């Protein structure tokens, strides 16, 4: 199962959740954090993780992709805050197995 999301707080980051086909519970989750001026396409990593029953969450940082914003205002502090916002969001999701940190 694949679905997109948009946070309603912080920089309102957009992202995509990839769940294994057998969506029957909770999963370990990997957050894919692209590099500077990158995009959230996980490429070949995706199939390997889904085959191992691991969920994958990708997202666009401020100034990238669908999140939008002026990339010239991207800072290390903002990068850290965007990643923290995504982590906080993932922790609240019913598919995230918090016992497998």
C-alpha atoms as a PDB file:
ATOM      1  CA  UNK A   1       0.000   0.000   0.000  1.00  0.00           C
ATOM      2  CA  UNK A   2       1.258   3.474  -0.900  1.00  0.00           C
ATOM      3  CA  UNK A   3      -0.169   6.776   0.236  1.00  0.00           C
ATOM      4  CA  UNK A   4       0.916  10.396   0.384  1.00  0.00           C
ATOM      5  CA  UNK A   5       0.667  12.708   3.374  1.00  0.00           C
ATOM      6  CA  UNK A   6       1.212  16.362   4.252  1.00  0.00           C
ATOM      7  CA  UNK A   7       1.966  17.522   7.766  1.00  0.00           C
ATOM      8  CA  UNK A   8      -0.259  20.270   9.101  1.00  0.00           C
ATOM      9  CA  UNK A   9       2.471  21.798  11.272  1.00  0.00           C
ATOM     10  CA  UNK A  10       6.050  23.052  10.951  1.00  0.00           C
ATOM     11  CA  UNK A  11       7.070  23.476   7.310  1.00  0.00           C
ATOM     12  CA  UNK A  12       4.117  21.273   6.279  1.00  0.00           C
ATOM     13  CA  UNK A  13       6.385  18.644   4.745  1.00  0.00           C
ATOM     14  CA  UNK A  14       4.919  16.280   2.175  1.00  0.00           C
ATOM     15  CA  UNK A  15       5.823  12.635   1.963  1.00  0.00           C
ATOM     16  CA  UNK A  16       4.915   9.116   0.967  1.00  0.00           C
ATOM     17  CA  UNK A  17       4.385   5.978   3.041  1.00  0.00           C
ATOM     18  CA  UNK A  18       5.192   2.573   1.536  1.00  0.00           C
ATOM     19  CA  UNK A  19       3.770  -0.396   3.420  1.00  0.00           C
ATOM     20  CA  UNK A  20       4.377  -4.064   2.578  1.00  0.00           C
ATOM     21  CA  UNK A  21       1.601  -5.694   0.530  1.00  0.00           C
ATOM     22  CA  UNK A  22       0.604  -7.786   3.515  1.00  0.00           C
ATOM     23  CA  UNK A  23      -0.526  -4.830   5.617  1.00  0.00           C
ATOM     24  CA  UNK A  24      -1.561  -6.854   8.615  1.00  0.00           C
ATOM     25  CA  UNK A  25      -0.076  -5.027  11.533  1.00  0.00           C
ATOM     26  CA  UNK A  26       2.808  -2.961  12.702  1.00  0.00           C
ATOM     27  CA  UNK A  27       6.196  -2.674  11.064  1.00  0.00           C
ATOM     28  CA  UNK A  28       9.677  -1.441  11.674  1.00  0.00           C
ATOM     29  CA  UNK A  29       9.919   1.876   9.846  1.00  0.00           C
ATOM     30  CA  UNK A  30      12.815   3.425   7.995  1.00  0.00           C
ATOM     31  CA  UNK A  31      12.669   7.137   7.239  1.00  0.00           C
ATOM     32  CA  UNK A  32      14.412   7.920   3.964  1.00  0.00           C
ATOM     33  CA  UNK A  33      16.155  11.272   4.296  1.00  0.00           C
ATOM     34  CA  UNK A  34      17.376  12.543   0.922  1.00  0.00           C
ATOM     35  CA  UNK A  35      20.459  14.734   0.609  1.00  0.00           C
ATOM     36  CA  UNK A  36      20.657  18.446  -0.098  1.00  0.00           C
ATOM     37  CA  UNK A  37      18.610  19.487  -3.123  1.00  0.00           C
ATOM     38  CA  UNK A  38      17.436  15.895  -3.591  1.00  0.00           C
ATOM     39  CA  UNK A  39      14.078  14.211  -3.873  1.00  0.00           C
ATOM     40  CA  UNK A  40      12.171  11.601  -1.942  1.00  0.00           C
ATOM     41  CA  UNK A  41      12.282   8.843  -4.575  1.00  0.00           C
ATOM     42  CA  UNK A  42      13.762   5.829  -2.731  1.00  0.00           C
ATOM     43  CA  UNK A  43      14.663   3.956  -5.928  1.00  0.00           C
ATOM     44  CA  UNK A  44      15.939   0.397  -5.574  1.00  0.00           C
ATOM     45  CA  UNK A  45      15.963   0.533  -1.779  1.00  0.00           C
ATOM     46  CA  UNK A  46      12.173   0.309  -1.718  1.00  0.00           C
ATOM     47  CA  UNK A  47      11.670  -3.236  -3.026  1.00  0.00           C
ATOM     48  CA  UNK A  48      14.313  -4.656  -0.703  1.00  0.00           C
ATOM     49  CA  UNK A  49      12.693  -3.122   2.383  1.00  0.00           C
ATOM     50  CA  UNK A  50       9.153  -4.103   1.478  1.00  0.00           C
ATOM     51  CA  UNK A  51      10.348  -7.655   0.882  1.00  0.00           C
ATOM     52  CA  UNK A  52      11.618  -7.667   4.462  1.00  0.00           C
ATOM     53  CA  UNK A  53       8.269  -6.426   5.865  1.00  0.00           C
ATOM     54  CA  UNK A  54       9.713  -3.006   6.674  1.00  0.00           C
ATOM     55  CA  UNK A  55       7.712   0.164   6.072  1.00  0.00           C
ATOM     56  CA  UNK A  56       9.399   3.097   4.371  1.00  0.00           C
ATOM     57  CA  UNK A  57       8.554   6.776   4.821  1.00  0.00           C
ATOM     58  CA  UNK A  58      10.025   9.322   2.427  1.00  0.00           C
ATOM     59  CA  UNK A  59       9.526  13.080   2.517  1.00  0.00           C
ATOM     60  CA  UNK A  60      10.542  16.359   0.939  1.00  0.00           C
ATOM     61  CA  UNK A  61      12.482  18.840   3.001  1.00  0.00           C
ATOM     62  CA  UNK A  62      11.617  22.537   2.966  1.00  0.00           C
ATOM     63  CA  UNK A  63      12.345  23.983  -0.464  1.00  0.00           C
ATOM     64  CA  UNK A  64      12.282  20.571  -2.160  1.00  0.00           C
ATOM     65  CA  UNK A  65       9.646  18.737  -4.166  1.00  0.00           C
ATOM     66  CA  UNK A  66       6.024  19.131  -3.133  1.00  0.00           C
ATOM     67  CA  UNK A  67       6.806  20.698   0.249  1.00  0.00           C
ATOM     68  CA  UNK A  68       7.823  23.888  -1.510  1.00  0.00           C
ATOM     69  CA  UNK A  69       9.381  26.971  -0.021  1.00  0.00           C
ATOM     70  CA  UNK A  70      12.429  29.036  -0.836  1.00  0.00           C
ATOM     71  CA  UNK A  71      15.379  26.623  -0.863  1.00  0.00           C
ATOM     72  CA  UNK A  72      17.779  29.508  -0.184  1.00  0.00           C
ATOM     73  CA  UNK A  73      16.230  29.636   3.322  1.00  0.00           C
ATOM     74  CA  UNK A  74      17.090  25.999   4.061  1.00  0.00           C
ATOM     75  CA  UNK A  75      19.442  25.746   7.050  1.00  0.00           C
ATOM     76  CA  UNK A  76      20.856  22.925   9.148  1.00  0.00           C
ATOM     77  CA  UNK A  77      18.446  23.889  11.922  1.00  0.00           C
ATOM     78  CA  UNK A  78      15.495  23.734   9.550  1.00  0.00           C
ATOM     79  CA  UNK A  79      16.772  20.381   8.198  1.00  0.00           C
ATOM     80  CA  UNK A  80      16.879  19.005  11.758  1.00  0.00           C
ATOM     81  CA  UNK A  81      13.401  20.359  12.535  1.00  0.00           C
ATOM     82  CA  UNK A  82      11.913  18.873   9.358  1.00  0.00           C
ATOM     83  CA  UNK A  83      13.365  15.465  10.195  1.00  0.00           C
ATOM     84  CA  UNK A  84      12.096  15.736  13.782  1.00  0.00           C
ATOM     85  CA  UNK A  85       8.600  16.638  12.554  1.00  0.00           C
ATOM     86  CA  UNK A  86       8.547  13.548  10.333  1.00  0.00           C
ATOM     87  CA  UNK A  87       9.799  11.332  13.158  1.00  0.00           C
ATOM     88  CA  UNK A  88       7.113  12.686  15.498  1.00  0.00           C
ATOM     89  CA  UNK A  89       4.476  12.017  12.830  1.00  0.00           C
ATOM     90  CA  UNK A  90       5.691   8.446  12.218  1.00  0.00           C
ATOM     91  CA  UNK A  91       5.628   7.649  15.941  1.00  0.00           C
ATOM     92  CA  UNK A  92       1.906   8.485  15.984  1.00  0.00           C
ATOM     93  CA  UNK A  93       1.011   6.242  13.031  1.00  0.00           C
ATOM     94  CA  UNK A  94      -0.763   2.910  13.627  1.00  0.00           C
ATOM     95  CA  UNK A  95       1.631   1.043  11.311  1.00  0.00           C
ATOM     96  CA  UNK A  96       4.754   1.979  13.340  1.00  0.00           C
ATOM     97  CA  UNK A  97       6.036  -0.719  15.688  1.00  0.00           C
ATOM     98  CA  UNK A  98       7.680   1.324  18.434  1.00  0.00           C
ATOM     99  CA  UNK A  99       9.025  -1.800  20.151  1.00  0.00           C
ATOM    100  CA  UNK A 100      11.469  -2.277  17.248  1.00  0.00           C
ATOM    101  CA  UNK A 101      13.548   0.897  17.535  1.00  0.00           C
END
